[in-house]
Protein backbone atom coordinates (compact mmCIF):
# COMPACT_ATOMS: atom_id res chain seq x y z
CA MET A 1 8.10 -5.88 -11.98
CA ALA A 2 5.80 -3.01 -11.07
CA THR A 3 6.78 0.38 -12.42
CA SER A 4 5.82 3.96 -11.67
CA SER A 5 5.11 6.92 -13.90
CA GLN A 6 6.87 10.25 -13.62
CA ASN A 7 3.65 12.30 -13.91
CA SER A 8 2.72 14.51 -10.99
CA VAL A 9 0.26 13.23 -8.43
CA GLN A 10 -3.28 14.47 -8.97
CA PRO A 11 -5.81 14.58 -6.09
CA GLN A 12 -8.81 12.31 -6.32
CA ALA A 13 -12.06 13.82 -7.51
CA THR A 14 -14.55 15.02 -4.92
CA ARG A 15 -17.53 12.66 -4.76
CA ASP A 16 -20.00 11.07 -2.39
CA LEU A 17 -18.38 8.17 -0.55
CA PRO A 18 -19.85 5.54 1.76
CA PRO A 19 -18.86 5.84 5.44
CA ARG A 20 -15.62 4.13 6.37
CA ILE A 21 -15.49 1.17 8.72
CA LYS A 22 -15.57 2.17 12.39
CA LEU A 23 -13.27 0.35 14.79
CA GLU A 24 -16.15 0.21 17.25
CA ASP A 25 -18.08 -2.00 14.84
CA LEU A 26 -15.35 -4.64 14.51
CA ASP A 27 -15.42 -7.90 16.45
CA HIS A 28 -13.10 -8.61 19.36
CA ASP A 29 -10.85 -11.05 17.49
CA THR A 30 -10.29 -8.61 14.63
CA LEU A 31 -9.36 -5.85 17.07
CA LYS A 32 -6.91 -8.20 18.82
CA GLU A 33 -5.26 -9.09 15.50
CA MET A 34 -4.93 -5.41 14.61
CA LEU A 35 -3.41 -4.60 17.99
CA ALA A 36 -0.94 -7.48 17.65
CA ALA A 37 0.13 -6.00 14.31
CA GLY A 38 0.46 -2.61 15.98
CA LYS A 39 2.72 -4.11 18.65
CA ASP A 40 4.92 -5.48 15.85
CA VAL A 41 5.17 -1.97 14.42
CA LEU A 42 6.15 -0.56 17.82
CA GLU A 43 8.69 -3.34 18.33
CA CYS A 44 10.38 -2.38 15.07
CA TYR A 45 10.54 1.22 16.24
CA ARG A 46 11.99 0.09 19.57
CA VAL A 47 14.88 -1.91 18.14
CA LEU A 48 15.73 0.72 15.52
CA LYS A 49 15.66 3.54 18.07
CA LYS A 50 18.47 1.86 19.99
CA THR A 51 20.84 2.81 17.15
CA ASN A 52 19.08 6.08 16.22
CA ASP A 53 17.66 4.49 13.06
CA ASN A 54 14.23 4.57 11.42
CA ILE A 55 12.41 2.41 8.88
CA VAL A 56 13.47 4.33 5.78
CA GLY A 57 17.04 4.79 6.95
CA GLU A 58 17.28 1.08 7.71
CA LEU A 59 16.11 0.15 4.21
CA LEU A 60 18.43 2.64 2.51
CA ARG A 61 21.42 2.00 4.77
CA ASP A 62 23.83 0.69 2.13
CA VAL A 63 22.38 2.01 -1.13
CA GLY A 64 24.68 5.01 -1.60
CA THR A 65 23.05 7.83 -3.60
CA PHE A 66 19.25 7.75 -3.37
CA PHE A 67 17.68 8.29 -6.80
CA GLN A 68 14.07 9.35 -7.40
CA TRP A 69 11.84 6.75 -9.12
CA GLN A 70 14.30 3.91 -8.56
CA HIS A 71 12.97 0.91 -6.61
CA TYR A 72 14.60 0.12 -3.27
CA PRO A 73 15.85 -2.46 -2.85
CA LYS A 74 16.74 -3.26 -6.45
CA GLY A 75 14.45 -6.06 -7.65
CA ASP A 76 11.93 -5.35 -4.85
CA ILE A 77 11.30 -7.51 -1.77
CA PHE A 78 9.37 -10.71 -2.46
CA ASP A 79 8.19 -13.46 -0.12
CA ARG A 80 8.18 -16.79 -1.98
CA ASP A 81 5.73 -18.37 0.47
CA SER A 82 3.03 -15.70 0.64
CA HIS A 83 3.84 -14.17 -2.80
CA SER A 84 3.72 -10.74 -1.20
CA GLN A 85 5.93 -7.94 -2.51
CA HIS A 86 6.92 -4.40 -1.64
CA TYR A 87 9.39 -1.69 -2.57
CA TYR A 88 10.19 1.89 -1.61
CA HIS A 89 10.73 4.85 -3.90
CA ALA A 90 10.35 8.62 -4.10
CA HIS A 91 8.87 11.14 -6.51
CA PRO A 92 10.49 14.52 -7.28
CA LYS A 93 10.11 17.01 -4.45
CA GLY A 94 6.87 18.92 -4.59
CA GLN A 95 4.77 16.18 -6.12
CA ARG A 96 3.74 14.85 -2.71
CA PRO A 97 4.26 17.67 -0.16
CA GLY A 98 5.71 16.55 3.17
CA GLU A 99 6.72 13.16 1.82
CA HIS A 100 10.20 11.68 1.54
CA GLY A 101 8.95 8.61 -0.35
CA HIS A 102 6.50 5.73 -0.07
CA PHE A 103 6.21 1.96 0.06
CA HIS A 104 4.11 0.14 -2.53
CA THR A 105 2.69 -3.23 -1.45
CA PHE A 106 1.46 -6.02 -3.74
CA LEU A 107 0.22 -9.58 -3.90
CA ARG A 108 1.18 -11.75 -6.87
CA ALA A 109 -1.15 -14.15 -8.64
CA SER A 110 0.32 -17.28 -7.04
CA GLY A 111 -0.73 -16.00 -3.62
CA MET A 112 -4.32 -15.20 -4.62
CA LYS A 113 -7.30 -17.42 -3.91
CA ARG A 114 -8.23 -19.96 -6.55
CA GLY A 115 -10.53 -18.56 -9.21
CA VAL A 116 -9.64 -14.89 -8.72
CA GLU A 117 -9.15 -13.18 -12.09
CA PRO A 118 -8.47 -9.61 -13.23
CA VAL A 119 -11.44 -7.54 -14.38
CA PRO A 120 -12.31 -7.70 -18.12
CA TYR A 121 -10.21 -5.31 -20.19
CA ASN A 122 -10.28 -4.50 -23.90
CA GLY A 123 -7.89 -1.54 -23.97
CA ASP A 124 -4.48 -1.23 -25.58
CA ALA A 125 -2.25 -1.47 -22.51
CA THR A 126 -0.41 -4.70 -21.78
CA TRP A 127 -1.31 -6.18 -18.39
CA PRO A 128 0.93 -8.79 -16.73
CA VAL A 129 -0.67 -12.23 -16.93
CA GLY A 130 -0.22 -15.70 -15.49
CA SER A 131 2.29 -15.95 -12.66
CA ASP A 132 3.46 -12.41 -13.47
CA ALA A 133 0.04 -10.93 -12.66
CA LEU A 134 -0.04 -8.85 -9.50
CA SER A 135 -2.33 -6.52 -7.60
CA HIS A 136 -1.35 -3.35 -5.79
CA LEU A 137 -2.76 -3.25 -2.27
CA ILE A 138 -1.80 0.03 -0.61
CA ALA A 139 0.95 2.65 -0.60
CA ILE A 140 2.40 3.95 2.68
CA SER A 141 3.69 7.53 2.59
CA MET A 142 6.70 8.36 4.76
CA ASP A 143 7.95 11.71 6.05
CA ALA A 144 11.52 12.99 6.11
CA LYS A 145 12.05 11.45 9.57
CA GLY A 146 11.16 7.98 8.30
CA TYR A 147 7.69 7.69 9.84
CA PRO A 148 4.31 7.04 8.15
CA ILE A 149 1.96 9.93 7.47
CA SER A 150 -0.69 8.56 5.09
CA MET A 151 -1.93 5.68 2.98
CA PHE A 152 -3.19 5.86 -0.59
CA THR A 153 -4.20 3.84 -3.64
CA VAL A 154 -3.32 4.50 -7.27
CA ASN A 155 -4.60 3.94 -10.78
CA ARG A 156 -3.41 0.93 -12.79
CA TRP A 157 -0.96 2.80 -15.02
CA VAL A 158 1.03 3.97 -12.00
CA THR A 159 2.20 0.49 -10.98
CA GLY A 160 1.74 -1.49 -14.21
CA GLU A 161 -0.34 -4.07 -12.35
CA SER A 162 -3.18 -6.33 -13.37
CA TRP A 163 -6.48 -4.89 -12.11
CA TYR A 164 -8.70 -6.85 -9.74
CA ALA A 165 -12.09 -5.89 -8.36
CA ALA A 166 -12.08 -4.17 -4.98
CA GLU A 167 -13.57 -7.04 -2.99
CA ASP A 168 -10.99 -9.45 -4.38
CA VAL A 169 -8.21 -7.03 -3.45
CA CYS A 170 -9.68 -6.65 0.04
CA ASP A 171 -9.32 -10.42 0.48
CA MET A 172 -5.69 -10.13 -0.63
CA VAL A 173 -4.96 -7.64 2.17
CA ASP A 174 -5.44 -10.38 4.76
CA GLN A 175 -2.90 -12.56 2.95
CA PHE A 176 -0.10 -9.98 2.79
CA GLU A 177 3.01 -10.99 4.72
CA ILE A 178 6.75 -10.54 4.25
CA ASP A 179 8.20 -13.17 6.57
CA HIS A 180 11.95 -13.20 5.98
CA ALA A 181 14.97 -11.21 7.10
CA ARG A 182 16.45 -9.83 3.86
CA PRO A 183 17.36 -7.11 3.25
CA SER A 184 15.99 -5.99 6.63
CA TRP A 185 13.94 -7.91 9.15
CA PRO A 186 12.62 -4.76 10.90
CA VAL A 187 11.48 -3.22 7.60
CA ASN A 188 9.72 -6.37 6.41
CA ARG A 189 8.03 -6.90 9.76
CA TRP A 190 7.04 -3.22 9.90
CA VAL A 191 5.47 -3.14 6.42
CA THR A 192 3.51 -6.31 7.22
CA GLY A 193 2.40 -4.86 10.55
CA MET A 194 1.28 -1.59 8.99
CA VAL A 195 -0.94 -3.31 6.43
CA HIS A 196 -2.70 -5.29 9.18
CA LEU A 197 -2.80 -2.55 11.83
CA PHE A 198 -4.76 -0.42 9.37
CA SER A 199 -6.48 -3.24 7.46
CA PRO A 200 -10.06 -1.82 7.74
CA LEU A 201 -8.84 1.54 6.41
CA VAL A 202 -6.82 -0.18 3.68
CA LYS A 203 -9.96 -2.00 2.54
CA ASP A 204 -12.01 1.21 2.65
CA LEU A 205 -9.41 2.92 0.47
CA ILE A 206 -9.46 0.03 -2.00
CA ARG A 207 -13.26 0.30 -2.31
CA GLU A 208 -12.96 4.07 -2.74
CA ARG A 209 -10.38 3.41 -5.44
CA ASP A 210 -12.96 1.61 -7.55
CA LEU A 211 -15.54 4.33 -6.93
CA ALA A 212 -13.00 6.91 -8.13
CA LEU A 213 -12.53 4.99 -11.37
CA ASP A 214 -16.30 4.66 -11.84
CA ALA A 215 -16.75 8.41 -11.37
CA ARG A 216 -13.87 9.18 -13.74
CA ARG A 217 -15.23 6.79 -16.35
CA GLN A 218 -18.53 8.70 -16.44
CA SER A 219 -16.89 12.10 -16.95
CA HIS A 220 -13.90 11.19 -19.11
CA PRO A 221 -14.36 8.82 -22.06
CA GLY A 222 -11.54 6.45 -22.94
CA ASP A 223 -9.40 3.93 -21.07
CA VAL A 224 -9.80 4.94 -17.42
CA PHE A 225 -7.00 2.58 -16.34
CA GLU A 226 -4.54 4.57 -18.48
CA ASP A 227 -5.94 8.03 -17.66
CA LYS A 228 -2.89 10.06 -16.64
CA GLY A 229 -5.18 12.65 -15.10
CA LEU A 230 -6.15 10.17 -12.39
CA GLU A 231 -3.19 8.93 -10.38
CA VAL A 232 -4.11 8.90 -6.67
CA THR A 233 -7.53 7.26 -6.39
CA SER A 234 -8.04 7.43 -2.60
CA GLN A 235 -6.03 8.54 0.41
CA SER A 236 -6.13 9.10 4.15
CA PRO A 237 -3.79 10.45 6.85
CA ILE A 238 -2.76 7.89 9.46
CA SER A 239 -1.30 7.83 12.96
CA VAL A 240 0.17 4.64 14.40
CA GLU A 241 -0.02 5.99 17.93
CA LYS A 242 -3.67 7.07 17.69
CA GLN A 243 -4.69 3.78 16.07
CA ILE A 244 -3.05 1.73 18.82
CA THR A 245 -4.50 3.95 21.54
CA ARG A 246 -8.01 3.44 20.13
CA LEU A 247 -7.53 -0.31 19.85
CA ARG A 248 -6.31 -0.60 23.43
CA ALA A 249 -9.27 1.42 24.68
CA LEU A 250 -11.75 -0.76 22.78
CA LEU A 251 -10.14 -3.94 24.11
CA ALA A 252 -9.82 -2.72 27.70
């Protein structure tokens, strides 16, 4: 199971980055798929609003006391068909200003394309292997009202994952899906929708993640994957409403 460190979040280093993918440059079918995912997100908001609920409140409905660092739900959420996984947790207040907590999303080895392998590694850390191997895709930061405010990627030590090259992880993004009702159908559908509504940004952030490690490797000798000074490797604010508005305008 993926784990998280209790070190404070450090901002990514300033560096030259390639331009991010523009929605205007995407083909019609991709835009339609993104908008369909956005409609799923809005549908989850609609049904939860009827009972004055939100995504985070729905997930934590019956957990009792909410503890920092603990995974919610216990044992994570795992789809046995797609081999996708996610969980929610929170850091101590002040580590991520404005955030209540965040979702971490993953794909396990059994859901990856044939022939995909972790990058070579000769350090001292133990990486999960075989069917236990997994790759972190993206984290979704949530505010105190239970709505998303940003997305970010993290270094390997944060989640205890196996590490795959950016382009392999980008392929995994398209395969992510939690398609069952437990412990909450709206939450599972929402997390899946968010990954695909913002899939071009998610892939940009994954590529920037690898660039952050490359830059860190040049300035700090040692095992970059275990460098506690590099936790958040890329990040971006997000707005569901603005994304859907742009998609609808492009498809009009």
